Structures are given as structure tokens and as C-alpha cells.
N, C-alpha and C. Protein backbone atom coordinates (compact mmCIF):
# COMPACT_ATOMS: atom_id res chain seq x y z
N MET A 1 0.57 -1.03 -0.38
CA MET A 1 -0.10 0.23 0.25
C MET A 1 0.88 1.44 0.08
N PRO A 2 0.50 2.36 -0.48
CA PRO A 2 0.97 3.25 -0.33
C PRO A 2 1.15 4.33 0.35
N ARG A 3 2.17 4.79 0.45
CA ARG A 3 2.70 5.76 2.14
C ARG A 3 2.11 6.90 1.38
N SER A 4 0.92 7.95 2.36
CA SER A 4 1.25 9.00 2.22
C SER A 4 2.05 10.14 2.29
N THR A 5 2.64 11.05 1.69
CA THR A 5 3.42 12.05 1.84
C THR A 5 2.30 13.41 2.99
N LEU A 6 3.10 14.40 3.13
CA LEU A 6 2.72 15.59 3.56
C LEU A 6 1.63 16.63 2.09
N ARG A 7 2.40 16.10 0.87
CA ARG A 7 1.24 16.52 0.26
C ARG A 7 0.05 16.52 -0.40
N ASP A 8 -0.15 14.37 0.26
CA ASP A 8 -1.57 14.61 0.24
C ASP A 8 -2.43 14.66 1.67
N ARG A 9 -1.76 15.17 2.24
CA ARG A 9 -2.69 15.72 3.70
C ARG A 9 -3.67 16.20 3.07
N GLY A 10 -4.28 16.27 2.18
CA GLY A 10 -6.33 16.81 2.32
C GLY A 10 -7.09 16.02 0.77
N CYS A 11 -8.31 16.43 1.50
CA CYS A 11 -9.46 15.77 1.07
C CYS A 11 -9.29 16.01 -0.54
N ARG A 12 -9.36 15.93 -1.29
CA ARG A 12 -9.33 16.22 -2.99
C ARG A 12 -11.08 16.67 -3.51
N GLY A 13 -11.61 15.46 -3.01
CA GLY A 13 -12.94 15.68 -3.24
C GLY A 13 -13.73 17.25 -2.51
N CYS A 14 -13.14 17.64 -1.46
CA CYS A 14 -13.59 18.70 -0.81
C CYS A 14 -13.21 20.22 -1.45
N GLN A 15 -11.17 20.31 -1.49
CA GLN A 15 -10.70 20.76 -2.14
C GLN A 15 -11.22 21.26 -3.14
N GLU A 16 -11.79 20.06 -4.42
CA GLU A 16 -12.57 20.71 -5.47
C GLU A 16 -14.02 21.81 -5.55
N ILE A 17 -14.36 21.40 -4.45
CA ILE A 17 -15.34 22.07 -3.73
C ILE A 17 -15.78 23.11 -2.76
N GLY A 18 -14.18 23.61 -2.54
CA GLY A 18 -13.81 24.52 -1.57
C GLY A 18 -14.39 24.22 0.17
N GLY A 19 -14.97 23.15 -0.19
CA GLY A 19 -15.56 22.17 1.45
C GLY A 19 -14.17 22.24 2.60
N ASP A 20 -14.63 21.80 3.59
CA ASP A 20 -13.60 21.94 4.66
C ASP A 20 -13.80 20.12 5.13
N TRP A 21 -13.01 19.58 5.96
CA TRP A 21 -12.83 17.88 6.23
C TRP A 21 -12.61 18.07 7.97
N VAL A 22 -13.43 17.08 8.62
CA VAL A 22 -12.88 16.79 10.23
C VAL A 22 -11.44 15.96 10.30
N GLU A 23 -11.55 15.19 9.71
CA GLU A 23 -10.69 14.00 9.60
C GLU A 23 -10.55 13.78 8.09
N LEU A 24 -9.29 12.90 8.46
CA LEU A 24 -8.60 12.54 6.94
C LEU A 24 -8.54 10.83 6.99
N TRP A 25 -9.04 10.21 5.93
CA TRP A 25 -9.14 8.55 6.24
C TRP A 25 -8.25 8.37 4.76
N GLN A 26 -7.73 7.28 5.29
CA GLN A 26 -6.87 6.35 3.90
C GLN A 26 -7.24 5.03 3.58
N CYS A 27 -7.85 4.72 2.22
CA CYS A 27 -8.60 3.13 1.90
C CYS A 27 -7.09 3.11 1.59
N LEU A 28 -7.29 1.47 1.99
CA LEU A 28 -6.02 0.97 2.16
C LEU A 28 -5.69 0.04 1.80
N SER A 29 -7.19 -0.04 0.45
CA SER A 29 -6.59 -0.61 -0.90
C SER A 29 -5.43 -0.70 -1.58
N CYS A 30 -5.49 1.49 -1.94
CA CYS A 30 -4.82 1.52 -2.85
C CYS A 30 -4.21 3.36 -2.60
N GLY A 31 -4.72 3.24 -1.01
CA GLY A 31 -4.01 5.02 -0.37
C GLY A 31 -4.77 6.11 -0.92
N TRP A 32 -5.48 6.06 -1.52
CA TRP A 32 -6.60 7.33 -1.44
C TRP A 32 -7.00 7.55 -0.56
N VAL A 33 -6.37 9.45 -0.23
CA VAL A 33 -7.06 9.68 0.63
C VAL A 33 -8.56 10.48 1.08
N ALA A 34 -9.00 11.08 1.75
CA ALA A 34 -10.76 11.30 1.50
C ALA A 34 -11.06 11.65 2.96
N CYS A 35 -11.75 12.41 3.32
CA CYS A 35 -12.72 13.25 4.59
C CYS A 35 -13.66 12.43 4.54
N SER A 36 -13.41 11.95 6.13
CA SER A 36 -13.91 11.09 7.37
C SER A 36 -15.84 11.15 7.06
N ASP A 37 -16.52 10.19 7.52
CA ASP A 37 -17.76 9.88 8.17
C ASP A 37 -18.22 10.85 8.34
N THR A 38 -17.24 12.03 9.62
CA THR A 38 -18.01 13.04 10.66
C THR A 38 -17.26 14.11 9.45
N SER A 39 -16.98 14.18 8.53
CA SER A 39 -16.78 15.76 7.76
C SER A 39 -18.17 15.47 7.13
N ASP A 40 -18.60 17.20 6.32
CA ASP A 40 -20.04 17.02 5.71
C ASP A 40 -19.94 16.09 4.58
N HIS A 41 -19.07 15.96 3.96
CA HIS A 41 -19.06 15.38 1.68
C HIS A 41 -18.43 13.89 1.98
N ARG A 42 -18.19 13.78 3.53
CA ARG A 42 -17.99 12.38 4.03
C ARG A 42 -17.20 11.67 1.80
N HIS A 43 -16.10 11.88 1.88
CA HIS A 43 -15.72 11.63 0.45
C HIS A 43 -14.87 10.13 0.31
N ALA A 44 -14.65 9.80 2.04
CA ALA A 44 -13.73 8.56 1.94
C ALA A 44 -15.06 7.31 1.89
N ARG A 45 -16.25 7.10 2.70
CA ARG A 45 -17.20 6.58 2.00
C ARG A 45 -17.69 6.22 1.00
N ALA A 46 -17.80 7.94 0.32
CA ALA A 46 -17.99 7.43 -1.41
C ALA A 46 -17.19 6.71 -2.19
N HIS A 47 -15.98 6.76 -2.25
CA HIS A 47 -14.63 6.18 -2.67
C HIS A 47 -15.34 4.93 -2.29
N TYR A 48 -15.51 3.98 -0.82
CA TYR A 48 -16.06 2.64 -1.17
C TYR A 48 -17.10 2.44 -1.64
N GLU A 49 -18.09 2.94 -1.95
CA GLU A 49 -19.08 2.64 -2.63
C GLU A 49 -18.58 2.98 -3.98
N GLU A 50 -17.89 3.49 -4.65
CA GLU A 50 -17.36 3.68 -6.44
C GLU A 50 -16.85 2.38 -6.50
N THR A 51 -15.34 2.23 -5.26
CA THR A 51 -14.59 1.00 -6.00
C THR A 51 -14.92 -0.17 -5.05
N ASP A 52 -16.00 -0.12 -4.17
CA ASP A 52 -15.84 -1.56 -3.59
C ASP A 52 -14.87 -1.72 -2.49
N HIS A 53 -13.28 -0.66 -2.22
CA HIS A 53 -12.19 -0.97 -1.76
C HIS A 53 -12.58 -1.31 0.51
N PRO A 54 -13.00 -1.98 0.57
CA PRO A 54 -13.51 -2.25 2.08
C PRO A 54 -13.18 -1.42 3.48
N ARG A 55 -11.52 -1.29 3.63
CA ARG A 55 -11.18 -0.84 4.68
C ARG A 55 -10.85 0.40 4.62
N ALA A 56 -10.49 1.41 5.48
CA ALA A 56 -9.93 3.00 5.73
C ALA A 56 -9.37 2.46 7.47
N GLY A 57 -8.35 3.98 7.55
CA GLY A 57 -8.39 3.91 8.46
C GLY A 57 -7.59 5.81 8.55
N PRO A 58 -8.24 6.31 9.85
CA PRO A 58 -7.22 7.60 10.10
C PRO A 58 -6.38 7.79 10.15
N LEU A 59 -5.57 9.03 9.12
CA LEU A 59 -4.38 9.19 9.05
C LEU A 59 -3.81 9.63 9.95
N GLN A 60 -4.43 10.27 10.83
CA GLN A 60 -3.16 10.72 12.41
C GLN A 60 -3.76 10.17 13.40
N ALA A 61 -4.68 9.61 13.73
CA ALA A 61 -5.26 9.30 15.03
C ALA A 61 -4.97 7.82 15.11
N VAL A 62 -4.31 6.71 15.97
CA VAL A 62 -3.81 5.57 16.20
C VAL A 62 -5.16 5.30 16.61
N ARG A 63 -5.80 4.53 16.07
CA ARG A 63 -7.85 4.07 15.78
C ARG A 63 -7.51 2.55 15.39
N PRO A 64 -8.90 1.82 15.91
CA PRO A 64 -8.93 0.60 14.47
C PRO A 64 -9.24 0.77 13.17
N LEU A 65 -8.90 -0.11 12.34
CA LEU A 65 -9.58 0.06 10.86
C LEU A 65 -11.09 0.19 11.06
N TRP A 66 -11.42 0.97 10.18
CA TRP A 66 -13.11 0.57 9.78
C TRP A 66 -13.37 -0.06 8.51
N CYS A 67 -14.59 -1.35 8.96
CA CYS A 67 -14.51 -1.95 7.35
C CYS A 67 -15.90 -1.44 7.03
N TYR A 68 -16.54 -0.70 5.55
CA TYR A 68 -17.24 0.16 5.16
C TYR A 68 -18.29 -1.65 5.22
N VAL A 69 -17.96 -2.70 4.44
CA VAL A 69 -18.71 -3.73 4.16
C VAL A 69 -19.76 -4.33 5.46
N HIS A 70 -18.72 -4.21 6.63
CA HIS A 70 -19.47 -5.15 8.18
C HIS A 70 -20.02 -3.49 8.67
N GLY A 71 -19.60 -2.61 8.40
CA GLY A 71 -20.26 -1.34 9.21
C GLY A 71 -19.72 -0.87 10.52
N ALA A 72 -18.62 -2.02 10.72
CA ALA A 72 -17.53 -2.19 12.40
C ALA A 72 -16.23 -1.79 12.14
N CYS A 73 -15.81 -1.85 13.19
CA CYS A 73 -14.06 -1.61 13.53
C CYS A 73 -14.09 -2.98 12.61
N CYS A 74 -12.41 -3.50 12.16
CA CYS A 74 -11.53 -4.43 11.80
C CYS A 74 -11.65 -4.73 12.85
N PRO A 75 -11.79 -6.36 13.05
CA PRO A 75 -11.22 -6.58 14.65
C PRO A 75 -9.29 -7.03 14.78
N VAL A 76 -9.07 -7.10 13.58
CA VAL A 76 -7.04 -7.30 14.14
C VAL A 76 -6.69 -6.48 13.71
N GLY A 77 -6.27 -6.14 14.12
CA GLY A 77 -5.09 -4.58 13.93
C GLY A 77 -5.45 -3.32 14.53
N THR A 78 -4.53 -2.51 14.75
CA THR A 78 -4.86 -0.69 14.64
C THR A 78 -4.19 -0.17 13.40
N HIS A 79 -5.16 1.16 12.89
CA HIS A 79 -4.63 1.51 11.84
C HIS A 79 -3.20 2.42 12.67
N ARG A 80 -2.28 2.19 12.29
CA ARG A 80 -1.21 3.37 12.49
C ARG A 80 -1.60 4.51 11.11
N SER A 81 -0.78 6.12 12.14
CA SER A 81 -0.64 6.42 10.73
C SER A 81 0.36 6.36 9.89
N LEU A 82 0.09 6.76 8.82
CA LEU A 82 0.75 6.39 6.92
C LEU A 82 1.28 7.75 6.31
N VAL A 83 1.13 8.32 7.32
CA VAL A 83 1.81 9.40 6.84
C VAL A 83 3.42 10.19 7.37
N THR A 84 4.17 10.21 6.23
CA THR A 84 5.44 10.48 6.57
C THR A 84 5.25 11.76 6.73
N ASP A 85 6.66 12.41 7.40
CA ASP A 85 7.19 14.08 7.47
C ASP A 85 8.33 14.15 6.48
């Protein structure tokens, strides 16, 4: 899985419409970075719905991964930040 860099710290969907985000999540299948469900536009969820990539996790917080298929935290592992400084 690709590692995110500082230049990726933003939701492209929100940036295109001039929107803001609360938290950024990264798709664990392809590395796409988008805003979380706590953000108004929920671009990470839209990415799942378009691609069927099932798992994502927050870029900057250490929390369990999320599985969109099951609508629950993944039972194995904790997502560590994938951002490189």
C-alpha cells in the first residue's frame, strides 16, 4: 500500500468544491485520502461505494481500522498513521 506524504494531506473532493473536513482517512486498498464520515461530504465513504475497497483508517489518529462492508471496526490490528513527514 502506498504511503501518504505531506502533499496528500487533504481531501481532494473537498478541495475541488471548496469544502472543509474534520478528519482524513486513507483507503487501505489503494491509498486514496479522503474526508471521514464525521465530515460533511463523506468522501471516504463515497470512495468505498465507487470502488468496493472495504477498509480505511484515520491518517493521524491511532484507532482501529473501519470496514465499510460490515459497518464496524476491523477485529484485527490498529491503523497507525501512514503519513510520512
